[in-house]
């Protein structure tokens, strides 16, 4: 049983190393586009939920101020 687990572990380690090498060999253009896309989505969500986010932040800081004793 132990040899089966060791073989499986080595196989998974090899797959992980191959995927890591693939990731490191990327040119970076795809990563740049992905980062820009994520930033656009986060900004869009912030604009859509601006009022709710503002209320939540004010609530958290209000509770923090009460906790500190200010």
Protein backbone atom coordinates (compact mmCIF):
# COMPACT_ATOMS: atom_id res chain seq x y z
CA UNK A 1 0.00 0.00 0.00
CA UNK A 2 2.80 2.36 0.85
CA UNK A 3 4.47 1.90 -2.52
CA UNK A 4 1.23 2.80 -4.29
CA UNK A 5 1.00 6.03 -2.30
CA UNK A 6 4.64 6.83 -2.97
CA UNK A 7 4.16 6.26 -6.70
CA UNK A 8 1.04 8.43 -6.67
CA UNK A 9 2.91 11.15 -4.78
CA UNK A 10 5.76 11.13 -7.30
CA UNK A 11 3.30 11.26 -10.18
CA UNK A 12 1.45 14.23 -8.69
CA UNK A 13 4.75 15.94 -7.94
CA UNK A 14 5.81 15.51 -11.57
CA UNK A 15 2.50 16.94 -12.83
CA UNK A 16 2.81 19.90 -10.46
CA UNK A 17 6.37 20.60 -11.60
CA UNK A 18 5.30 20.49 -15.27
CA UNK A 19 2.44 22.92 -14.64
CA UNK A 20 4.73 25.23 -12.69
CA UNK A 21 7.26 25.23 -15.53
CA UNK A 22 4.46 26.04 -18.01
CA UNK A 23 3.35 28.93 -15.84
CA UNK A 24 6.86 30.32 -15.52
CA UNK A 25 7.52 30.04 -19.28
CA UNK A 26 4.56 32.28 -20.19
CA UNK A 27 5.43 35.51 -21.93
CA UNK A 28 3.47 37.62 -19.50
CA UNK A 29 1.02 39.14 -21.97
CA UNK A 30 -1.75 36.86 -20.78
CA UNK A 31 -1.00 37.72 -17.17
CA UNK A 32 -1.11 41.43 -17.94
CA UNK A 33 -4.48 41.12 -19.67
CA UNK A 34 -5.81 39.04 -16.77
CA UNK A 35 -4.70 41.62 -14.22
CA UNK A 36 -6.30 44.46 -16.19
CA UNK A 37 -9.53 42.47 -16.53
CA UNK A 38 -9.64 41.75 -12.79
CA UNK A 39 -9.03 45.43 -12.02
CA UNK A 40 -11.90 46.45 -14.31
CA UNK A 41 -14.23 43.95 -12.63
CA UNK A 42 -13.27 45.14 -9.13
CA UNK A 43 -13.77 48.79 -10.10
CA UNK A 44 -17.14 47.97 -11.69
CA UNK A 45 -18.26 46.16 -8.54
CA UNK A 46 -17.09 49.09 -6.41
CA UNK A 47 -19.07 51.54 -8.55
CA UNK A 48 -22.19 49.36 -8.53
CA UNK A 49 -22.12 48.77 -4.77
CA UNK A 50 -20.66 52.15 -3.77
CA UNK A 51 -23.39 53.02 -1.27
CA UNK A 52 -23.35 49.59 0.37
CA UNK A 53 -19.54 49.57 0.59
CA UNK A 54 -19.48 53.07 2.09
CA UNK A 55 -22.08 52.10 4.69
CA UNK A 56 -20.20 48.92 5.55
CA UNK A 57 -16.88 50.75 5.99
CA UNK A 58 -18.51 53.45 8.13
CA UNK A 59 -20.16 50.75 10.24
CA UNK A 60 -16.86 48.94 10.77
CA UNK A 61 -15.02 52.12 11.71
CA UNK A 62 -17.87 53.16 14.00
CA UNK A 63 -17.71 49.85 15.83
CA UNK A 64 -13.93 50.06 15.98
CA UNK A 65 -14.11 53.54 17.48
CA UNK A 66 -16.63 52.34 20.10
CA UNK A 67 -14.41 49.33 20.89
CA UNK A 68 -11.34 51.51 21.36
CA UNK A 69 -13.35 53.85 23.54
CA UNK A 70 -13.28 57.00 21.47
